C-alpha cells in the first residue's frame, strides 16, 4: 500500500500517462 521510495524510483522508467506502471 505504501511502497518504499526506492521502489518508486526504480519504476519511473515504466510510468504510463495515467499513473499506472507498464508490466515487466
PDBML (XML) file of the C-alpha atoms, coordinates in Angstrom:
<?xml version="1.0" encoding="UTF-8" ?>
<PDBx:datablock datablockName="MODEL"
   xmlns:PDBx="http://pdbml.pdb.org/schema/pdbx-v50.xsd"
   xmlns:xsi="http://www.w3.org/2001/XMLSchema-instance"
   xsi:schemaLocation="http://pdbml.pdb.org/schema/pdbx-v50.xsd pdbx-v50.xsd">
   <PDBx:atom_siteCategory>
      <PDBx:atom_site id="1">
         <PDBx:B_iso_or_equiv>0.00</PDBx:B_iso_or_equiv>
         <PDBx:Cartn_x>0.000</PDBx:Cartn_x>
         <PDBx:Cartn_y>0.000</PDBx:Cartn_y>
         <PDBx:Cartn_z>0.000</PDBx:Cartn_z>
         <PDBx:auth_asym_id>A</PDBx:auth_asym_id>
         <PDBx:auth_atom_id>CA</PDBx:auth_atom_id>
         <PDBx:auth_comp_id>UNK</PDBx:auth_comp_id>
         <PDBx:auth_seq_id>1</PDBx:auth_seq_id>
         <PDBx:group_PDB>ATOM</PDBx:group_PDB>
         <PDBx:label_alt_id xsi:nil="true" />
         <PDBx:label_asym_id>A</PDBx:label_asym_id>
         <PDBx:label_atom_id>CA</PDBx:label_atom_id>
         <PDBx:label_comp_id>UNK</PDBx:label_comp_id>
         <PDBx:label_entity_id>1</PDBx:label_entity_id>
         <PDBx:label_seq_id>1</PDBx:label_seq_id>
         <PDBx:occupancy>1.00</PDBx:occupancy>
         <PDBx:pdbx_PDB_model_num>1</PDBx:pdbx_PDB_model_num>
         <PDBx:type_symbol>C</PDBx:type_symbol>
      </PDBx:atom_site>
      <PDBx:atom_site id="2">
         <PDBx:B_iso_or_equiv>0.00</PDBx:B_iso_or_equiv>
         <PDBx:Cartn_x>2.882</PDBx:Cartn_x>
         <PDBx:Cartn_y>2.363</PDBx:Cartn_y>
         <PDBx:Cartn_z>0.802</PDBx:Cartn_z>
         <PDBx:auth_asym_id>A</PDBx:auth_asym_id>
         <PDBx:auth_atom_id>CA</PDBx:auth_atom_id>
         <PDBx:auth_comp_id>UNK</PDBx:auth_comp_id>
         <PDBx:auth_seq_id>2</PDBx:auth_seq_id>
         <PDBx:group_PDB>ATOM</PDBx:group_PDB>
         <PDBx:label_alt_id xsi:nil="true" />
         <PDBx:label_asym_id>A</PDBx:label_asym_id>
         <PDBx:label_atom_id>CA</PDBx:label_atom_id>
         <PDBx:label_comp_id>UNK</PDBx:label_comp_id>
         <PDBx:label_entity_id>1</PDBx:label_entity_id>
         <PDBx:label_seq_id>2</PDBx:label_seq_id>
         <PDBx:occupancy>1.00</PDBx:occupancy>
         <PDBx:pdbx_PDB_model_num>1</PDBx:pdbx_PDB_model_num>
         <PDBx:type_symbol>C</PDBx:type_symbol>
      </PDBx:atom_site>
      <PDBx:atom_site id="3">
         <PDBx:B_iso_or_equiv>0.00</PDBx:B_iso_or_equiv>
         <PDBx:Cartn_x>5.946</PDBx:Cartn_x>
         <PDBx:Cartn_y>1.237</PDBx:Cartn_y>
         <PDBx:Cartn_z>-1.172</PDBx:Cartn_z>
         <PDBx:auth_asym_id>A</PDBx:auth_asym_id>
         <PDBx:auth_atom_id>CA</PDBx:auth_atom_id>
         <PDBx:auth_comp_id>UNK</PDBx:auth_comp_id>
         <PDBx:auth_seq_id>3</PDBx:auth_seq_id>
         <PDBx:group_PDB>ATOM</PDBx:group_PDB>
         <PDBx:label_alt_id xsi:nil="true" />
         <PDBx:label_asym_id>A</PDBx:label_asym_id>
         <PDBx:label_atom_id>CA</PDBx:label_atom_id>
         <PDBx:label_comp_id>UNK</PDBx:label_comp_id>
         <PDBx:label_entity_id>1</PDBx:label_entity_id>
         <PDBx:label_seq_id>3</PDBx:label_seq_id>
         <PDBx:occupancy>1.00</PDBx:occupancy>
         <PDBx:pdbx_PDB_model_num>1</PDBx:pdbx_PDB_model_num>
         <PDBx:type_symbol>C</PDBx:type_symbol>
      </PDBx:atom_site>
      <PDBx:atom_site id="4">
         <PDBx:B_iso_or_equiv>0.00</PDBx:B_iso_or_equiv>
         <PDBx:Cartn_x>9.425</PDBx:Cartn_x>
         <PDBx:Cartn_y>2.396</PDBx:Cartn_y>
         <PDBx:Cartn_z>-0.283</PDBx:Cartn_z>
         <PDBx:auth_asym_id>A</PDBx:auth_asym_id>
         <PDBx:auth_atom_id>CA</PDBx:auth_atom_id>
         <PDBx:auth_comp_id>UNK</PDBx:auth_comp_id>
         <PDBx:auth_seq_id>4</PDBx:auth_seq_id>
         <PDBx:group_PDB>ATOM</PDBx:group_PDB>
         <PDBx:label_alt_id xsi:nil="true" />
         <PDBx:label_asym_id>A</PDBx:label_asym_id>
         <PDBx:label_atom_id>CA</PDBx:label_atom_id>
         <PDBx:label_comp_id>UNK</PDBx:label_comp_id>
         <PDBx:label_entity_id>1</PDBx:label_entity_id>
         <PDBx:label_seq_id>4</PDBx:label_seq_id>
         <PDBx:occupancy>1.00</PDBx:occupancy>
         <PDBx:pdbx_PDB_model_num>1</PDBx:pdbx_PDB_model_num>
         <PDBx:type_symbol>C</PDBx:type_symbol>
      </PDBx:atom_site>
      <PDBx:atom_site id="5">
         <PDBx:B_iso_or_equiv>0.00</PDBx:B_iso_or_equiv>
         <PDBx:Cartn_x>10.818</PDBx:Cartn_x>
         <PDBx:Cartn_y>5.428</PDBx:Cartn_y>
         <PDBx:Cartn_z>-2.166</PDBx:Cartn_z>
         <PDBx:auth_asym_id>A</PDBx:auth_asym_id>
         <PDBx:auth_atom_id>CA</PDBx:auth_atom_id>
         <PDBx:auth_comp_id>UNK</PDBx:auth_comp_id>
         <PDBx:auth_seq_id>5</PDBx:auth_seq_id>
         <PDBx:group_PDB>ATOM</PDBx:group_PDB>
         <PDBx:label_alt_id xsi:nil="true" />
         <PDBx:label_asym_id>A</PDBx:label_asym_id>
         <PDBx:label_atom_id>CA</PDBx:label_atom_id>
         <PDBx:label_comp_id>UNK</PDBx:label_comp_id>
         <PDBx:label_entity_id>1</PDBx:label_entity_id>
         <PDBx:label_seq_id>5</PDBx:label_seq_id>
         <PDBx:occupancy>1.00</PDBx:occupancy>
         <PDBx:pdbx_PDB_model_num>1</PDBx:pdbx_PDB_model_num>
         <PDBx:type_symbol>C</PDBx:type_symbol>
      </PDBx:atom_site>
      <PDBx:atom_site id="6">
         <PDBx:B_iso_or_equiv>0.00</PDBx:B_iso_or_equiv>
         <PDBx:Cartn_x>13.469</PDBx:Cartn_x>
         <PDBx:Cartn_y>3.184</PDBx:Cartn_y>
         <PDBx:Cartn_z>-3.746</PDBx:Cartn_z>
         <PDBx:auth_asym_id>A</PDBx:auth_asym_id>
         <PDBx:auth_atom_id>CA</PDBx:auth_atom_id>
         <PDBx:auth_comp_id>UNK</PDBx:auth_comp_id>
         <PDBx:auth_seq_id>6</PDBx:auth_seq_id>
         <PDBx:group_PDB>ATOM</PDBx:group_PDB>
         <PDBx:label_alt_id xsi:nil="true" />
         <PDBx:label_asym_id>A</PDBx:label_asym_id>
         <PDBx:label_atom_id>CA</PDBx:label_atom_id>
         <PDBx:label_comp_id>UNK</PDBx:label_comp_id>
         <PDBx:label_entity_id>1</PDBx:label_entity_id>
         <PDBx:label_seq_id>6</PDBx:label_seq_id>
         <PDBx:occupancy>1.00</PDBx:occupancy>
         <PDBx:pdbx_PDB_model_num>1</PDBx:pdbx_PDB_model_num>
         <PDBx:type_symbol>C</PDBx:type_symbol>
      </PDBx:atom_site>
      <PDBx:atom_site id="7">
         <PDBx:B_iso_or_equiv>0.00</PDBx:B_iso_or_equiv>
         <PDBx:Cartn_x>10.672</PDBx:Cartn_x>
         <PDBx:Cartn_y>1.121</PDBx:Cartn_y>
         <PDBx:Cartn_z>-5.291</PDBx:Cartn_z>
         <PDBx:auth_asym_id>A</PDBx:auth_asym_id>
         <PDBx:auth_atom_id>CA</PDBx:auth_atom_id>
         <PDBx:auth_comp_id>UNK</PDBx:auth_comp_id>
         <PDBx:auth_seq_id>7</PDBx:auth_seq_id>
         <PDBx:group_PDB>ATOM</PDBx:group_PDB>
         <PDBx:label_alt_id xsi:nil="true" />
         <PDBx:label_asym_id>A</PDBx:label_asym_id>
         <PDBx:label_atom_id>CA</PDBx:label_atom_id>
         <PDBx:label_comp_id>UNK</PDBx:label_comp_id>
         <PDBx:label_entity_id>1</PDBx:label_entity_id>
         <PDBx:label_seq_id>7</PDBx:label_seq_id>
         <PDBx:occupancy>1.00</PDBx:occupancy>
         <PDBx:pdbx_PDB_model_num>1</PDBx:pdbx_PDB_model_num>
         <PDBx:type_symbol>C</PDBx:type_symbol>
      </PDBx:atom_site>
      <PDBx:atom_site id="8">
         <PDBx:B_iso_or_equiv>0.00</PDBx:B_iso_or_equiv>
         <PDBx:Cartn_x>9.008</PDBx:Cartn_x>
         <PDBx:Cartn_y>4.236</PDBx:Cartn_y>
         <PDBx:Cartn_z>-6.688</PDBx:Cartn_z>
         <PDBx:auth_asym_id>A</PDBx:auth_asym_id>
         <PDBx:auth_atom_id>CA</PDBx:auth_atom_id>
         <PDBx:auth_comp_id>UNK</PDBx:auth_comp_id>
         <PDBx:auth_seq_id>8</PDBx:auth_seq_id>
         <PDBx:group_PDB>ATOM</PDBx:group_PDB>
         <PDBx:label_alt_id xsi:nil="true" />
         <PDBx:label_asym_id>A</PDBx:label_asym_id>
         <PDBx:label_atom_id>CA</PDBx:label_atom_id>
         <PDBx:label_comp_id>UNK</PDBx:label_comp_id>
         <PDBx:label_entity_id>1</PDBx:label_entity_id>
         <PDBx:label_seq_id>8</PDBx:label_seq_id>
         <PDBx:occupancy>1.00</PDBx:occupancy>
         <PDBx:pdbx_PDB_model_num>1</PDBx:pdbx_PDB_model_num>
         <PDBx:type_symbol>C</PDBx:type_symbol>
      </PDBx:atom_site>
      <PDBx:atom_site id="9">
         <PDBx:B_iso_or_equiv>0.00</PDBx:B_iso_or_equiv>
         <PDBx:Cartn_x>12.294</PDBx:Cartn_x>
         <PDBx:Cartn_y>5.441</PDBx:Cartn_y>
         <PDBx:Cartn_z>-8.157</PDBx:Cartn_z>
         <PDBx:auth_asym_id>A</PDBx:auth_asym_id>
         <PDBx:auth_atom_id>CA</PDBx:auth_atom_id>
         <PDBx:auth_comp_id>UNK</PDBx:auth_comp_id>
         <PDBx:auth_seq_id>9</PDBx:auth_seq_id>
         <PDBx:group_PDB>ATOM</PDBx:group_PDB>
         <PDBx:label_alt_id xsi:nil="true" />
         <PDBx:label_asym_id>A</PDBx:label_asym_id>
         <PDBx:label_atom_id>CA</PDBx:label_atom_id>
         <PDBx:label_comp_id>UNK</PDBx:label_comp_id>
         <PDBx:label_entity_id>1</PDBx:label_entity_id>
         <PDBx:label_seq_id>9</PDBx:label_seq_id>
         <PDBx:occupancy>1.00</PDBx:occupancy>
         <PDBx:pdbx_PDB_model_num>1</PDBx:pdbx_PDB_model_num>
         <PDBx:type_symbol>C</PDBx:type_symbol>
      </PDBx:atom_site>
      <PDBx:atom_site id="10">
         <PDBx:B_iso_or_equiv>0.00</PDBx:B_iso_or_equiv>
         <PDBx:Cartn_x>13.021</PDBx:Cartn_x>
         <PDBx:Cartn_y>2.076</PDBx:Cartn_y>
         <PDBx:Cartn_z>-9.791</PDBx:Cartn_z>
         <PDBx:auth_asym_id>A</PDBx:auth_asym_id>
         <PDBx:auth_atom_id>CA</PDBx:auth_atom_id>
         <PDBx:auth_comp_id>UNK</PDBx:auth_comp_id>
         <PDBx:auth_seq_id>10</PDBx:auth_seq_id>
         <PDBx:group_PDB>ATOM</PDBx:group_PDB>
         <PDBx:label_alt_id xsi:nil="true" />
         <PDBx:label_asym_id>A</PDBx:label_asym_id>
         <PDBx:label_atom_id>CA</PDBx:label_atom_id>
         <PDBx:label_comp_id>UNK</PDBx:label_comp_id>
         <PDBx:label_entity_id>1</PDBx:label_entity_id>
         <PDBx:label_seq_id>10</PDBx:label_seq_id>
         <PDBx:occupancy>1.00</PDBx:occupancy>
         <PDBx:pdbx_PDB_model_num>1</PDBx:pdbx_PDB_model_num>
         <PDBx:type_symbol>C</PDBx:type_symbol>
      </PDBx:atom_site>
      <PDBx:atom_site id="11">
         <PDBx:B_iso_or_equiv>0.00</PDBx:B_iso_or_equiv>
         <PDBx:Cartn_x>9.634</PDBx:Cartn_x>
         <PDBx:Cartn_y>2.136</PDBx:Cartn_y>
         <PDBx:Cartn_z>-11.549</PDBx:Cartn_z>
         <PDBx:auth_asym_id>A</PDBx:auth_asym_id>
         <PDBx:auth_atom_id>CA</PDBx:auth_atom_id>
         <PDBx:auth_comp_id>UNK</PDBx:auth_comp_id>
         <PDBx:auth_seq_id>11</PDBx:auth_seq_id>
         <PDBx:group_PDB>ATOM</PDBx:group_PDB>
         <PDBx:label_alt_id xsi:nil="true" />
         <PDBx:label_asym_id>A</PDBx:label_asym_id>
         <PDBx:label_atom_id>CA</PDBx:label_atom_id>
         <PDBx:label_comp_id>UNK</PDBx:label_comp_id>
         <PDBx:label_entity_id>1</PDBx:label_entity_id>
         <PDBx:label_seq_id>11</PDBx:label_seq_id>
         <PDBx:occupancy>1.00</PDBx:occupancy>
         <PDBx:pdbx_PDB_model_num>1</PDBx:pdbx_PDB_model_num>
         <PDBx:type_symbol>C</PDBx:type_symbol>
      </PDBx:atom_site>
      <PDBx:atom_site id="12">
         <PDBx:B_iso_or_equiv>0.00</PDBx:B_iso_or_equiv>
         <PDBx:Cartn_x>9.944</PDBx:Cartn_x>
         <PDBx:Cartn_y>5.610</PDBx:Cartn_y>
         <PDBx:Cartn_z>-13.060</PDBx:Cartn_z>
         <PDBx:auth_asym_id>A</PDBx:auth_asym_id>
         <PDBx:auth_atom_id>CA</PDBx:auth_atom_id>
         <PDBx:auth_comp_id>UNK</PDBx:auth_comp_id>
         <PDBx:auth_seq_id>12</PDBx:auth_seq_id>
         <PDBx:group_PDB>ATOM</PDBx:group_PDB>
         <PDBx:label_alt_id xsi:nil="true" />
         <PDBx:label_asym_id>A</PDBx:label_asym_id>
         <PDBx:label_atom_id>CA</PDBx:label_atom_id>
         <PDBx:label_comp_id>UNK</PDBx:label_comp_id>
         <PDBx:label_entity_id>1</PDBx:label_entity_id>
         <PDBx:label_seq_id>12</PDBx:label_seq_id>
         <PDBx:occupancy>1.00</PDBx:occupancy>
         <PDBx:pdbx_PDB_model_num>1</PDBx:pdbx_PDB_model_num>
         <PDBx:type_symbol>C</PDBx:type_symbol>
      </PDBx:atom_site>
      <PDBx:atom_site id="13">
         <PDBx:B_iso_or_equiv>0.00</PDBx:B_iso_or_equiv>
         <PDBx:Cartn_x>11.029</PDBx:Cartn_x>
         <PDBx:Cartn_y>4.146</PDBx:Cartn_y>
         <PDBx:Cartn_z>-16.418</PDBx:Cartn_z>
         <PDBx:auth_asym_id>A</PDBx:auth_asym_id>
         <PDBx:auth_atom_id>CA</PDBx:auth_atom_id>
         <PDBx:auth_comp_id>UNK</PDBx:auth_comp_id>
         <PDBx:auth_seq_id>13</PDBx:auth_seq_id>
         <PDBx:group_PDB>ATOM</PDBx:group_PDB>
         <PDBx:label_alt_id xsi:nil="true" />
         <PDBx:label_asym_id>A</PDBx:label_asym_id>
         <PDBx:label_atom_id>CA</PDBx:label_atom_id>
         <PDBx:label_comp_id>UNK</PDBx:label_comp_id>
         <PDBx:label_entity_id>1</PDBx:label_entity_id>
         <PDBx:label_seq_id>13</PDBx:label_seq_id>
         <PDBx:occupancy>1.00</PDBx:occupancy>
         <PDBx:pdbx_PDB_model_num>1</PDBx:pdbx_PDB_model_num>
         <PDBx:type_symbol>C</PDBx:type_symbol>
      </PDBx:atom_site>
      <PDBx:atom_site id="14">
         <PDBx:B_iso_or_equiv>0.00</PDBx:B_iso_or_equiv>
         <PDBx:Cartn_x>7.732</PDBx:Cartn_x>
         <PDBx:Cartn_y>2.261</PDBx:Cartn_y>
         <PDBx:Cartn_z>-16.634</PDBx:Cartn_z>
         <PDBx:auth_asym_id>A</PDBx:auth_asym_id>
         <PDBx:auth_atom_id>CA</PDBx:auth_atom_id>
         <PDBx:auth_comp_id>UNK</PDBx:auth_comp_id>
         <PDBx:auth_seq_id>14</PDBx:auth_seq_id>
         <PDBx:group_PDB>ATOM</PDBx:group_PDB>
         <PDBx:label_alt_id xsi:nil="true" />
         <PDBx:label_asym_id>A</PDBx:label_asym_id>
         <PDBx:label_atom_id>CA</PDBx:label_atom_id>
         <PDBx:label_comp_id>UNK</PDBx:label_comp_id>
         <PDBx:label_entity_id>1</PDBx:label_entity_id>
         <PDBx:label_seq_id>14</PDBx:label_seq_id>
         <PDBx:occupancy>1.00</PDBx:occupancy>
         <PDBx:pdbx_PDB_model_num>1</PDBx:pdbx_PDB_model_num>
         <PDBx:type_symbol>C</PDBx:type_symbol>
      </PDBx:atom_site>
      <PDBx:atom_site id="15">
         <PDBx:B_iso_or_equiv>0.00</PDBx:B_iso_or_equiv>
         <PDBx:Cartn_x>5.295</PDBx:Cartn_x>
         <PDBx:Cartn_y>5.010</PDBx:Cartn_y>
         <PDBx:Cartn_z>-15.597</PDBx:Cartn_z>
         <PDBx:auth_asym_id>A</PDBx:auth_asym_id>
         <PDBx:auth_atom_id>CA</PDBx:auth_atom_id>
         <PDBx:auth_comp_id>UNK</PDBx:auth_comp_id>
         <PDBx:auth_seq_id>15</PDBx:auth_seq_id>
         <PDBx:group_PDB>ATOM</PDBx:group_PDB>
         <PDBx:label_alt_id xsi:nil="true" />
         <PDBx:label_asym_id>A</PDBx:label_asym_id>
         <PDBx:label_atom_id>CA</PDBx:label_atom_id>
         <PDBx:label_comp_id>UNK</PDBx:label_comp_id>
         <PDBx:label_entity_id>1</PDBx:label_entity_id>
         <PDBx:label_seq_id>15</PDBx:label_seq_id>
         <PDBx:occupancy>1.00</PDBx:occupancy>
         <PDBx:pdbx_PDB_model_num>1</PDBx:pdbx_PDB_model_num>
         <PDBx:type_symbol>C</PDBx:type_symbol>
      </PDBx:atom_site>
      <PDBx:atom_site id="16">
         <PDBx:B_iso_or_equiv>0.00</PDBx:B_iso_or_equiv>
         <PDBx:Cartn_x>2.433</PDBx:Cartn_x>
         <PDBx:Cartn_y>5.497</PDBx:Cartn_y>
         <PDBx:Cartn_z>-18.051</PDBx:Cartn_z>
         <PDBx:auth_asym_id>A</PDBx:auth_asym_id>
         <PDBx:auth_atom_id>CA</PDBx:auth_atom_id>
         <PDBx:auth_comp_id>UNK</PDBx:auth_comp_id>
         <PDBx:auth_seq_id>16</PDBx:auth_seq_id>
         <PDBx:group_PDB>ATOM</PDBx:group_PDB>
         <PDBx:label_alt_id xsi:nil="true" />
         <PDBx:label_asym_id>A</PDBx:label_asym_id>
         <PDBx:label_atom_id>CA</PDBx:label_atom_id>
         <PDBx:label_comp_id>UNK</PDBx:label_comp_id>
         <PDBx:label_entity_id>1</PDBx:label_entity_id>
         <PDBx:label_seq_id>16</PDBx:label_seq_id>
         <PDBx:occupancy>1.00</PDBx:occupancy>
         <PDBx:pdbx_PDB_model_num>1</PDBx:pdbx_PDB_model_num>
         <PDBx:type_symbol>C</PDBx:type_symbol>
      </PDBx:atom_site>
      <PDBx:atom_site id="17">
         <PDBx:B_iso_or_equiv>0.00</PDBx:B_iso_or_equiv>
         <PDBx:Cartn_x>0.447</PDBx:Cartn_x>
         <PDBx:Cartn_y>8.675</PDBx:Cartn_y>
         <PDBx:Cartn_z>-18.712</PDBx:Cartn_z>
         <PDBx:auth_asym_id>A</PDBx:auth_asym_id>
         <PDBx:auth_atom_id>CA</PDBx:auth_atom_id>
         <PDBx:auth_comp_id>UNK</PDBx:auth_comp_id>
         <PDBx:auth_seq_id>17</PDBx:auth_seq_id>
         <PDBx:group_PDB>ATOM</PDBx:group_PDB>
         <PDBx:label_alt_id xsi:nil="true" />
         <PDBx:label_asym_id>A</PDBx:label_asym_id>
         <PDBx:label_atom_id>CA</PDBx:label_atom_id>
         <PDBx:label_comp_id>UNK</PDBx:label_comp_id>
         <PDBx:label_entity_id>1</PDBx:label_entity_id>
         <PDBx:label_seq_id>17</PDBx:label_seq_id>
         <PDBx:occupancy>1.00</PDBx:occupancy>
         <PDBx:pdbx_PDB_model_num>1</PDBx:pdbx_PDB_model_num>
         <PDBx:type_symbol>C</PDBx:type_symbol>
      </PDBx:atom_site>
      <PDBx:atom_site id="18">
         <PDBx:B_iso_or_equiv>0.00</PDBx:B_iso_or_equiv>
         <PDBx:Cartn_x>-2.429</PDBx:Cartn_x>
         <PDBx:Cartn_y>7.660</PDBx:Cartn_y>
         <PDBx:Cartn_z>-16.420</PDBx:Cartn_z>
         <PDBx:auth_asym_id>A</PDBx:auth_asym_id>
         <PDBx:auth_atom_id>CA</PDBx:auth_atom_id>
         <PDBx:auth_comp_id>UNK</PDBx:auth_comp_id>
         <PDBx:auth_seq_id>18</PDBx:auth_seq_id>
         <PDBx:group_PDB>ATOM</PDBx:group_PDB>
         <PDBx:label_alt_id xsi:nil="true" />
         <PDBx:label_asym_id>A</PDBx:label_asym_id>
         <PDBx:label_atom_id>CA</PDBx:label_atom_id>
         <PDBx:label_comp_id>UNK</PDBx:label_comp_id>
         <PDBx:label_entity_id>1</PDBx:label_entity_id>
         <PDBx:label_seq_id>18</PDBx:label_seq_id>
         <PDBx:occupancy>1.00</PDBx:occupancy>
         <PDBx:pdbx_PDB_model_num>1</PDBx:pdbx_PDB_model_num>
         <PDBx:type_symbol>C</PDBx:type_symbol>
      </PDBx:atom_site>
      <PDBx:atom_site id="19">
         <PDBx:B_iso_or_equiv>0.00</PDBx:B_iso_or_equiv>
         <PDBx:Cartn_x>-0.451</PDBx:Cartn_x>
         <PDBx:Cartn_y>6.982</PDBx:Cartn_y>
         <PDBx:Cartn_z>-13.263</PDBx:Cartn_z>
         <PDBx:auth_asym_id>A</PDBx:auth_asym_id>
         <PDBx:auth_atom_id>CA</PDBx:auth_atom_id>
         <PDBx:auth_comp_id>UNK</PDBx:auth_comp_id>
         <PDBx:auth_seq_id>19</PDBx:auth_seq_id>
         <PDBx:group_PDB>ATOM</PDBx:group_PDB>
         <PDBx:label_alt_id xsi:nil="true" />
         <PDBx:label_asym_id>A</PDBx:label_asym_id>
         <PDBx:label_atom_id>CA</PDBx:label_atom_id>
         <PDBx:label_comp_id>UNK</PDBx:label_comp_id>
         <PDBx:label_entity_id>1</PDBx:label_entity_id>
         <PDBx:label_seq_id>19</PDBx:label_seq_id>
         <PDBx:occupancy>1.00</PDBx:occupancy>
         <PDBx:pdbx_PDB_model_num>1</PDBx:pdbx_PDB_model_num>
         <PDBx:type_symbol>C</PDBx:type_symbol>
      </PDBx:atom_site>
      <PDBx:atom_site id="20">
         <PDBx:B_iso_or_equiv>0.00</PDBx:B_iso_or_equiv>
         <PDBx:Cartn_x>-0.090</PDBx:Cartn_x>
         <PDBx:Cartn_y>3.238</PDBx:Cartn_y>
         <PDBx:Cartn_z>-13.747</PDBx:Cartn_z>
         <PDBx:auth_asym_id>A</PDBx:auth_asym_id>
         <PDBx:auth_atom_id>CA</PDBx:auth_atom_id>
         <PDBx:auth_comp_id>UNK</PDBx:auth_comp_id>
         <PDBx:auth_seq_id>20</PDBx:auth_seq_id>
         <PDBx:group_PDB>ATOM</PDBx:group_PDB>
         <PDBx:label_alt_id xsi:nil="true" />
         <PDBx:label_asym_id>A</PDBx:label_asym_id>
         <PDBx:label_atom_id>CA</PDBx:label_atom_id>
         <PDBx:label_comp_id>UNK</PDBx:label_comp_id>
         <PDBx:label_entity_id>1</PDBx:label_entity_id>
         <PDBx:label_seq_id>20</PDBx:label_seq_id>
         <PDBx:occupancy>1.00</PDBx:occupancy>
         <PDBx:pdbx_PDB_model_num>1</PDBx:pdbx_PDB_model_num>
         <PDBx:type_symbol>C</PDBx:type_symbol>
      </PDBx:atom_site>
      <PDBx:atom_site id="21">
         <PDBx:B_iso_or_equiv>0.00</PDBx:B_iso_or_equiv>
         <PDBx:Cartn_x>3.002</PDBx:Cartn_x>
         <PDBx:Cartn_y>1.156</PDBx:Cartn_y>
         <PDBx:Cartn_z>-14.437</PDBx:Cartn_z>
         <PDBx:auth_asym_id>A</PDBx:auth_asym_id>
         <PDBx:auth_atom_id>CA</PDBx:auth_atom_id>
         <PDBx:auth_comp_id>UNK</PDBx:auth_comp_id>
         <PDBx:auth_seq_id>21</PDBx:auth_seq_id>
         <PDBx:group_PDB>ATOM</PDBx:group_PDB>
         <PDBx:label_alt_id xsi:nil="true" />
         <PDBx:label_asym_id>A</PDBx:label_asym_id>
         <PDBx:label_atom_id>CA</PDBx:label_atom_id>
         <PDBx:label_comp_id>UNK</PDBx:label_comp_id>
         <PDBx:label_entity_id>1</PDBx:label_entity_id>
         <PDBx:label_seq_id>21</PDBx:label_seq_id>
         <PDBx:occupancy>1.00</PDBx:occupancy>
         <PDBx:pdbx_PDB_model_num>1</PDBx:pdbx_PDB_model_num>
         <PDBx:type_symbol>C</PDBx:type_symbol>
      </PDBx:atom_site>
      <PDBx:atom_site id="22">
         <PDBx:B_iso_or_equiv>0.00</PDBx:B_iso_or_equiv>
         <PDBx:Cartn_x>3.895</PDBx:Cartn_x>
         <PDBx:Cartn_y>-0.841</PDBx:Cartn_y>
         <PDBx:Cartn_z>-17.523</PDBx:Cartn_z>
         <PDBx:auth_asym_id>A</PDBx:auth_asym_id>
         <PDBx:auth_atom_id>CA</PDBx:auth_atom_id>
         <PDBx:auth_comp_id>UNK</PDBx:auth_comp_id>
         <PDBx:auth_seq_id>22</PDBx:auth_seq_id>
         <PDBx:group_PDB>ATOM</PDBx:group_PDB>
         <PDBx:label_alt_id xsi:nil="true" />
         <PDBx:label_asym_id>A</PDBx:label_asym_id>
         <PDBx:label_atom_id>CA</PDBx:label_atom_id>
         <PDBx:label_comp_id>UNK</PDBx:label_comp_id>
         <PDBx:label_entity_id>1</PDBx:label_entity_id>
         <PDBx:label_seq_id>22</PDBx:label_seq_id>
         <PDBx:occupancy>1.00</PDBx:occupancy>
         <PDBx:pdbx_PDB_model_num>1</PDBx:pdbx_PDB_model_num>
         <PDBx:type_symbol>C</PDBx:type_symbol>
      </PDBx:atom_site>
      <PDBx:atom_site id="23">
         <PDBx:B_iso_or_equiv>0.00</PDBx:B_iso_or_equiv>
         <PDBx:Cartn_x>4.302</PDBx:Cartn_x>
         <PDBx:Cartn_y>-4.523</PDBx:Cartn_y>
         <PDBx:Cartn_z>-16.716</PDBx:Cartn_z>
         <PDBx:auth_asym_id>A</PDBx:auth_asym_id>
         <PDBx:auth_atom_id>CA</PDBx:auth_atom_id>
         <PDBx:auth_comp_id>UNK</PDBx:auth_comp_id>
         <PDBx:auth_seq_id>23</PDBx:auth_seq_id>
         <PDBx:group_PDB>ATOM</PDBx:group_PDB>
         <PDBx:label_alt_id xsi:nil="true" />
         <PDBx:label_asym_id>A</PDBx:label_asym_id>
         <PDBx:label_atom_id>CA</PDBx:label_atom_id>
         <PDBx:label_comp_id>UNK</PDBx:label_comp_id>
         <PDBx:label_entity_id>1</PDBx:label_entity_id>
         <PDBx:label_seq_id>23</PDBx:label_seq_id>
         <PDBx:occupancy>1.00</PDBx:occupancy>
         <PDBx:pdbx_PDB_model_num>1</PDBx:pdbx_PDB_model_num>
         <PDBx:type_symbol>C</PDBx:type_symbol>
      </PDBx:atom_site>
      <PDBx:atom_site id="24">
         <PDBx:B_iso_or_equiv>0.00</PDBx:B_iso_or_equiv>
         <PDBx:Cartn_x>7.785</PDBx:Cartn_x>
         <PDBx:Cartn_y>-6.108</PDBx:Cartn_y>
         <PDBx:Cartn_z>-16.881</PDBx:Cartn_z>
         <PDBx:auth_asym_id>A</PDBx:auth_asym_id>
         <PDBx:auth_atom_id>CA</PDBx:auth_atom_id>
         <PDBx:auth_comp_id>UNK</PDBx:auth_comp_id>
         <PDBx:auth_seq_id>24</PDBx:auth_seq_id>
         <PDBx:group_PDB>ATOM</PDBx:group_PDB>
         <PDBx:label_alt_id xsi:nil="true" />
         <PDBx:label_asym_id>A</PDBx:label_asym_id>
         <PDBx:label_atom_id>CA</PDBx:label_atom_id>
         <PDBx:label_comp_id>UNK</PDBx:label_comp_id>
         <PDBx:label_entity_id>1</PDBx:label_entity_id>
         <PDBx:label_seq_id>24</PDBx:label_seq_id>
         <PDBx:occupancy>1.00</PDBx:occupancy>
         <PDBx:pdbx_PDB_model_num>1</PDBx:pdbx_PDB_model_num>
         <PDBx:type_symbol>C</PDBx:type_symbol>
      </PDBx:atom_site>
   </PDBx:atom_siteCategory>
</PDBx:datablock>
